[in-house]
């Protein structure tokens, strides 16, 4: 009963789509969030989720979301993928966030560049429909420029300077900068404030370059507090306490084992100007997270972590799975990252 490839999207095939999308004239107008957009910016009605930008959690604290614009559009063969973008200006060019460009490692190839010129921008790619019960999704990701995590008051960490995570909080946004390699959520992915995703992710491969060194990276002999280019592979512990700001605790995979609940332990660190492969599989018993490439501490190799379904938040039957990659935050993260060769495989019964 092997996996069978059902969807494949090399990003060279996006050239026509990107040109069509970027030719749209921004014409904001009211729409519901369930509408399928063809690339123009639109003002959307707020979703009803507790932690959405205008959700009940923030209403109780007197927080009002800023005026903002969204664009969504399906693409790929049979329109199986969708892009969802966010900006606080209708003058933002869609091509500044989503662009097909020459591969930085091989200009003969073309790849997708996801960018957030401002920390208030956001863009993600997701499947148009929820995933099947068993699947494997894979992609290439690399050449990230979302900060460096260097500590110190003078470190900008990829920001311009002075950015905060307003209006949903009032902290220094530059403390964290990063991107999602690949993740599985329980709701339709779109850019939101950072709290939203903390309450909807199931399993995650991501990097958060953090100046306060709250990630502990396995450096071959021990975990070392280091916020520079960490690669986190984790599930969300269904049995942990739910915190409004951070959600439930992590079940990190590092040093070839599942770590204690709440331990923030990275599997390794990524290098600049380097491509990596990432996969997430769901089978009958577990999620399997895999990253391959040339890592800072482990060198050329593959890390594979198995996280049992019965430990993962929102992994019960009947709760949808959506994969997502890019920058899902509209109050954090500034930079760019490249993707290529998104592939979805489903389980073929024999």
Protein backbone atom coordinates (compact mmCIF):
# COMPACT_ATOMS: atom_id res chain seq x y z
CA UNK A 1 0.00 0.00 0.00
CA UNK A 2 2.44 2.71 -1.17
CA UNK A 3 1.90 6.44 -1.44
CA UNK A 4 0.85 7.56 -4.89
CA UNK A 5 1.67 10.99 -6.35
CA UNK A 6 -1.57 12.82 -7.08
CA UNK A 7 -0.42 16.45 -7.28
CA UNK A 8 2.88 17.93 -8.42
CA UNK A 9 3.75 21.59 -8.92
CA UNK A 10 7.19 22.65 -10.09
CA UNK A 11 7.15 26.41 -9.72
CA UNK A 12 8.25 27.05 -13.29
CA UNK A 13 4.61 26.28 -14.09
CA UNK A 14 3.55 29.31 -12.04
CA UNK A 15 4.95 31.88 -14.46
CA UNK A 16 1.69 32.41 -16.33
CA UNK A 17 -0.35 32.35 -13.12
CA UNK A 18 1.92 34.93 -11.49
CA UNK A 19 1.73 37.25 -14.50
CA UNK A 20 -2.05 37.05 -14.56
CA UNK A 21 -2.34 37.63 -10.83
CA UNK A 22 0.00 40.61 -10.80
CA UNK A 23 -1.88 42.27 -13.65
CA UNK A 24 -4.95 42.73 -11.45
CA UNK A 25 -5.83 46.28 -10.43
CA UNK A 26 -6.27 46.69 -6.65
CA UNK A 27 -9.96 47.51 -6.15
CA UNK A 28 -10.92 46.97 -2.49
CA UNK A 29 -14.53 46.10 -1.81
CA UNK A 30 -16.40 44.14 0.80
CA UNK A 31 -16.37 40.37 0.52
CA UNK A 32 -16.73 37.41 2.83
CA UNK A 33 -13.71 35.38 3.77
CA UNK A 34 -15.08 32.38 1.92
CA UNK A 35 -14.83 34.15 -1.44
CA UNK A 36 -12.21 33.00 -3.94
CA UNK A 37 -10.29 36.02 -5.19
CA UNK A 38 -8.51 36.42 -8.49
CA UNK A 39 -5.59 38.44 -7.18
CA UNK A 40 -6.99 41.90 -6.45
CA UNK A 41 -6.87 43.29 -2.92
CA UNK A 42 -10.20 43.29 -1.11
CA UNK A 43 -11.50 44.31 2.30
CA UNK A 44 -12.85 41.18 3.98
CA UNK A 45 -15.32 40.64 6.76
CA UNK A 46 -13.61 39.34 9.90
CA UNK A 47 -13.65 35.64 10.70
CA UNK A 48 -15.35 34.47 13.88
CA UNK A 49 -12.45 32.49 15.37
CA UNK A 50 -11.61 33.45 18.96
CA UNK A 51 -8.03 34.39 18.04
CA UNK A 52 -8.65 35.87 14.58
CA UNK A 53 -7.64 39.49 14.05
CA UNK A 54 -10.96 40.80 15.37
CA UNK A 55 -11.82 37.74 17.44
CA UNK A 56 -13.44 37.57 20.85
CA UNK A 57 -10.13 37.26 22.70
CA UNK A 58 -9.05 40.65 21.37
CA UNK A 59 -12.49 42.28 21.59
CA UNK A 60 -12.50 41.60 25.33
CA UNK A 61 -9.22 43.53 25.55
CA UNK A 62 -10.41 46.47 23.48
CA UNK A 63 -8.16 45.62 20.53
CA UNK A 64 -9.40 46.55 17.08
CA UNK A 65 -7.73 45.14 13.95
CA UNK A 66 -6.22 47.68 11.56
CA UNK A 67 -7.69 48.43 8.16
CA UNK A 68 -6.25 45.75 5.90
CA UNK A 69 -6.60 44.02 2.56
CA UNK A 70 -6.49 40.40 1.48
CA UNK A 71 -6.10 38.55 -1.81
CA UNK A 72 -6.68 34.86 -2.47
CA UNK A 73 -6.50 32.79 -5.64
CA UNK A 74 -6.31 29.10 -6.60
CA UNK A 75 -3.60 27.86 -8.97
CA UNK A 76 -1.86 24.72 -10.22
CA UNK A 77 -3.31 21.77 -12.10
CA UNK A 78 -7.02 21.53 -11.27
CA UNK A 79 -6.48 24.59 -9.05
CA UNK A 80 -5.38 22.33 -6.21
CA UNK A 81 -3.23 24.99 -4.52
CA UNK A 82 -4.25 28.42 -3.25
CA UNK A 83 -2.30 31.51 -2.26
CA UNK A 84 -3.54 33.83 0.50
CA UNK A 85 -1.96 37.26 1.07
CA UNK A 86 -2.40 40.16 3.50
CA UNK A 87 -1.30 43.79 3.43
CA UNK A 88 -2.29 46.99 5.21
CA UNK A 89 -2.10 48.91 1.93
CA UNK A 90 -4.06 48.35 -1.26
CA UNK A 91 -1.06 49.82 -3.12
CA UNK A 92 1.15 46.85 -2.23
CA UNK A 93 2.16 45.00 -5.38
CA UNK A 94 1.25 41.34 -5.23
CA UNK A 95 4.54 40.59 -6.97
CA UNK A 96 6.37 42.04 -3.95
CA UNK A 97 4.98 39.14 -1.91
CA UNK A 98 4.63 36.28 -4.41
CA UNK A 99 6.92 36.01 -7.42
CA UNK A 100 8.40 33.35 -9.67
CA UNK A 101 12.12 34.06 -10.08
CA UNK A 102 15.28 32.30 -11.27
CA UNK A 103 16.57 29.70 -8.82
CA UNK A 104 19.40 31.36 -6.84
CA UNK A 105 21.36 28.09 -7.12
CA UNK A 106 20.57 27.40 -10.80
CA UNK A 107 19.22 30.29 -12.92
CA UNK A 108 17.98 27.82 -15.55
CA UNK A 109 15.34 26.70 -13.05
CA UNK A 110 12.51 28.90 -11.75
CA UNK A 111 11.18 28.86 -8.21
CA UNK A 112 8.70 30.65 -5.97
CA UNK A 113 9.93 33.55 -3.85
CA UNK A 114 7.72 34.42 -0.85
CA UNK A 115 8.51 37.83 0.63
CA UNK A 116 7.33 40.12 3.41
CA UNK A 117 8.81 43.57 2.71
CA UNK A 118 7.12 44.76 5.92
CA UNK A 119 6.46 42.84 9.12
CA UNK A 120 2.77 43.66 8.59
CA UNK A 121 2.71 41.73 5.30
CA UNK A 122 1.91 38.03 5.12
CA UNK A 123 1.58 35.36 2.45
CA UNK A 124 1.04 31.62 2.60
CA UNK A 125 0.42 28.76 0.16
CA UNK A 126 -2.01 25.98 1.06
CA UNK A 127 -4.11 23.28 -0.60
CA UNK A 128 -7.44 24.57 -1.89
CA UNK A 129 -9.22 21.70 -0.15
CA UNK A 130 -8.53 19.75 3.03
CA UNK A 131 -6.10 16.83 2.78
CA UNK A 132 -7.11 13.15 2.68
CA UNK A 133 -6.88 10.93 5.77
CA UNK A 134 -3.42 9.65 4.77
CA UNK A 135 -0.94 11.75 2.82
CA UNK A 136 2.62 12.85 2.34
CA UNK A 137 3.43 16.41 1.27
CA UNK A 138 6.96 17.41 0.29
CA UNK A 139 8.73 20.51 -1.02
CA UNK A 140 12.08 22.23 -1.38
CA UNK A 141 12.77 25.28 0.78
CA UNK A 142 15.84 27.42 1.20
CA UNK A 143 17.89 30.58 0.68
CA UNK A 144 15.96 32.11 3.57
CA UNK A 145 16.58 35.70 4.61
CA UNK A 146 14.31 36.15 7.62
CA UNK A 147 16.74 37.54 10.16
CA UNK A 148 19.69 35.94 11.89
CA UNK A 149 18.72 35.66 15.56
CA UNK A 150 21.88 37.39 16.74
CA UNK A 151 21.42 38.60 20.34
CA UNK A 152 21.91 42.13 21.55
CA UNK A 153 20.03 45.42 21.70
CA UNK A 154 21.60 46.65 18.46
CA UNK A 155 20.60 43.57 16.45
CA UNK A 156 17.84 44.36 13.95
CA UNK A 157 17.29 40.64 13.21
CA UNK A 158 16.17 41.40 9.65
CA UNK A 159 13.85 44.29 10.53
CA UNK A 160 14.07 47.96 9.58
CA UNK A 161 13.95 49.09 13.20
CA UNK A 162 11.14 50.10 15.54
CA UNK A 163 8.56 47.50 14.48
CA UNK A 164 6.14 46.20 17.10
CA UNK A 165 3.61 43.37 17.10
CA UNK A 166 0.71 45.84 17.32
CA UNK A 167 -2.17 46.11 17.63
CA UNK A 168 -2.66 42.65 19.12
CA UNK A 169 0.22 43.26 21.50
CA UNK A 170 2.81 45.97 22.01
CA UNK A 171 6.13 44.16 22.09
CA UNK A 172 9.33 44.44 20.07
CA UNK A 173 8.72 42.49 16.85
CA UNK A 174 12.45 42.24 16.16
CA UNK A 175 12.88 39.74 18.99
CA UNK A 176 11.66 37.08 16.54
CA UNK A 177 11.88 36.65 12.78
CA UNK A 178 11.29 33.54 10.74
CA UNK A 179 9.24 31.45 8.34
CA UNK A 180 7.36 28.17 8.12
CA UNK A 181 9.06 25.40 6.15
CA UNK A 182 5.90 23.26 6.22
CA UNK A 183 3.13 22.79 8.78
CA UNK A 184 -0.25 21.11 9.25
CA UNK A 185 -3.17 23.15 10.59
CA UNK A 186 -6.73 22.28 11.62
CA UNK A 187 -8.35 25.25 9.82
CA UNK A 188 -8.05 26.99 6.46
CA UNK A 189 -4.66 28.78 6.53
CA UNK A 190 -4.52 32.53 5.99
CA UNK A 191 -2.23 35.24 7.36
CA UNK A 192 -3.33 36.38 10.82
CA UNK A 193 -1.87 37.77 14.01
CA UNK A 194 0.67 35.38 15.52
CA UNK A 195 -1.66 34.08 18.26
CA UNK A 196 -4.05 32.58 15.71
CA UNK A 197 -1.64 29.97 14.40
CA UNK A 198 -0.57 29.02 17.93
CA UNK A 199 -4.07 27.61 18.41
CA UNK A 200 -4.45 25.88 15.05
CA UNK A 201 -1.17 24.08 14.30
CA UNK A 202 -0.81 20.34 14.73
CA UNK A 203 2.72 19.53 13.57
CA UNK A 204 5.34 22.00 12.43
CA UNK A 205 8.68 22.39 10.68
CA UNK A 206 9.71 26.04 11.09
CA UNK A 207 12.51 28.44 11.96
CA UNK A 208 12.19 31.36 14.38
CA UNK A 209 15.36 33.42 14.60
CA UNK A 210 15.11 34.74 18.14
CA UNK A 211 17.38 37.24 19.86
CA UNK A 212 16.66 35.91 23.36
CA UNK A 213 17.97 32.39 22.56
CA UNK A 214 14.93 30.53 23.88
CA UNK A 215 15.49 27.71 21.39
CA UNK A 216 17.94 24.99 22.38
CA UNK A 217 19.73 23.57 19.33
CA UNK A 218 21.24 20.09 19.32
CA UNK A 219 24.83 20.78 18.31
CA UNK A 220 26.05 17.20 18.23
CA UNK A 221 26.88 16.72 21.89
CA UNK A 222 24.35 18.81 23.80
CA UNK A 223 21.52 21.30 23.47
CA UNK A 224 22.84 24.86 23.44
CA UNK A 225 20.68 27.96 23.94
CA UNK A 226 20.92 29.59 20.54
CA UNK A 227 18.39 31.58 18.50
CA UNK A 228 20.36 31.63 15.24
CA UNK A 229 18.73 29.66 12.40
CA UNK A 230 17.11 26.93 14.54
CA UNK A 231 15.06 24.23 12.80
CA UNK A 232 12.15 23.10 14.93
CA UNK A 233 10.35 19.82 14.23
CA UNK A 234 7.47 19.41 16.66
CA UNK A 235 3.93 18.35 17.35
CA UNK A 236 1.54 20.23 19.62
CA UNK A 237 0.85 18.31 22.84
CA UNK A 238 -2.89 17.62 23.10
CA UNK A 239 -2.54 16.94 26.83
CA UNK A 240 -0.72 20.17 27.68
CA UNK A 241 -2.20 23.32 29.19
CA UNK A 242 -3.54 25.86 26.69
CA UNK A 243 -1.99 29.32 27.02
CA UNK A 244 -3.69 32.23 25.25
CA UNK A 245 -0.41 33.63 23.94
CA UNK A 246 1.42 30.46 22.94
CA UNK A 247 -1.18 27.68 22.72
CA UNK A 248 -0.38 24.20 23.94
CA UNK A 249 3.25 23.11 24.57
CA UNK A 250 5.60 21.58 22.01
CA UNK A 251 6.56 17.94 21.60
CA UNK A 252 9.93 18.59 19.96
CA UNK A 253 11.80 15.99 17.94
CA UNK A 254 15.55 16.35 18.47
CA UNK A 255 18.60 14.14 19.08
CA UNK A 256 16.73 11.19 17.50
CA UNK A 257 13.94 11.24 20.08
CA UNK A 258 10.69 12.92 21.10
CA UNK A 259 11.55 15.38 23.86
CA UNK A 260 9.62 16.14 27.08
CA UNK A 261 6.49 18.25 26.66
CA UNK A 262 7.31 21.95 26.67
CA UNK A 263 11.03 21.56 25.88
CA UNK A 264 11.86 23.83 22.92
CA UNK A 265 14.63 21.79 21.32
CA UNK A 266 15.69 22.28 17.71
CA UNK A 267 16.97 19.42 15.59
CA UNK A 268 19.79 21.51 14.01
CA UNK A 269 20.39 24.88 12.32
CA UNK A 270 20.04 25.80 8.65
CA UNK A 271 22.74 27.41 6.53
CA UNK A 272 22.41 30.50 4.35
CA UNK A 273 22.19 30.09 0.57
CA UNK A 274 21.26 26.42 0.84
CA UNK A 275 18.34 24.31 -0.41
CA UNK A 276 16.61 21.77 1.85
CA UNK A 277 13.89 19.16 1.36
CA UNK A 278 11.01 18.90 3.84
CA UNK A 279 8.15 16.40 4.10
CA UNK A 280 5.22 15.75 6.42
CA UNK A 281 3.43 12.42 6.24
CA UNK A 282 0.28 11.32 8.01
CA UNK A 283 -0.29 7.58 8.23
CA UNK A 284 -2.64 5.48 10.35
CA UNK A 285 -0.63 5.96 13.53
CA UNK A 286 1.58 9.03 13.35
CA UNK A 287 2.81 12.15 11.67
CA UNK A 288 6.31 11.73 10.24
CA UNK A 289 8.35 14.91 9.77
CA UNK A 290 11.49 14.86 7.60
CA UNK A 291 14.13 17.43 6.64
CA UNK A 292 17.16 16.72 4.44
CA UNK A 293 20.16 18.78 3.43
CA UNK A 294 23.46 20.22 4.60
CA UNK A 295 23.04 21.43 8.19
CA UNK A 296 25.23 23.62 10.37
CA UNK A 297 25.96 20.97 13.00
CA UNK A 298 25.01 17.63 11.50
CA UNK A 299 26.34 18.18 7.98
CA UNK A 300 24.71 16.39 5.04
CA UNK A 301 21.96 14.13 6.33
CA UNK A 302 18.25 13.50 6.90
CA UNK A 303 16.38 14.05 10.16
CA UNK A 304 13.13 12.08 10.51
CA UNK A 305 10.84 12.39 13.50
CA UNK A 306 7.75 10.31 14.31
CA UNK A 307 5.03 11.89 16.45
CA UNK A 308 2.13 9.55 17.39
CA UNK A 309 -1.32 10.79 16.43
CA UNK A 310 -2.67 10.09 19.91
CA UNK A 311 -0.34 12.75 21.34
CA UNK A 312 -1.11 15.52 18.84
CA UNK A 313 -3.60 18.36 19.32
CA UNK A 314 -6.61 18.25 16.97
CA UNK A 315 -5.46 15.01 15.29
CA UNK A 316 -8.68 13.09 15.88
CA UNK A 317 -10.71 11.73 12.96
CA UNK A 318 -13.02 14.29 11.40
CA UNK A 319 -10.80 17.29 12.09
CA UNK A 320 -9.35 18.54 8.79
CA UNK A 321 -5.67 18.75 7.88
CA UNK A 322 -4.32 21.60 5.74
CA UNK A 323 -0.65 22.06 4.95
CA UNK A 324 0.80 25.55 4.77
CA UNK A 325 4.11 27.26 4.09
CA UNK A 326 5.37 30.85 3.95
CA UNK A 327 4.88 33.75 6.36
CA UNK A 328 1.53 33.45 8.19
CA UNK A 329 2.00 36.42 10.57
CA UNK A 330 0.72 39.93 9.90
CA UNK A 331 2.47 41.42 12.94
CA UNK A 332 5.83 39.60 12.81
CA UNK A 333 8.44 38.38 10.32
CA UNK A 334 10.17 40.35 7.60
CA UNK A 335 12.27 38.88 4.78
CA UNK A 336 12.10 36.34 1.97
CA UNK A 337 12.42 32.59 1.33
CA UNK A 338 12.30 30.35 -1.75
CA UNK A 339 10.23 27.21 -2.45
CA UNK A 340 10.06 24.66 -5.24
CA UNK A 341 8.64 21.26 -6.24
CA UNK A 342 5.57 20.97 -4.01
CA UNK A 343 4.35 17.38 -4.18
CA UNK A 344 1.32 15.70 -2.61
CA UNK A 345 1.07 11.92 -2.34
CA UNK A 346 -1.94 9.96 -1.08
CA UNK A 347 -2.25 6.43 0.21
CA UNK A 348 -3.04 3.86 -2.50
CA UNK A 349 -4.87 0.82 -1.13
CA UNK A 350 -4.17 -2.51 -2.83
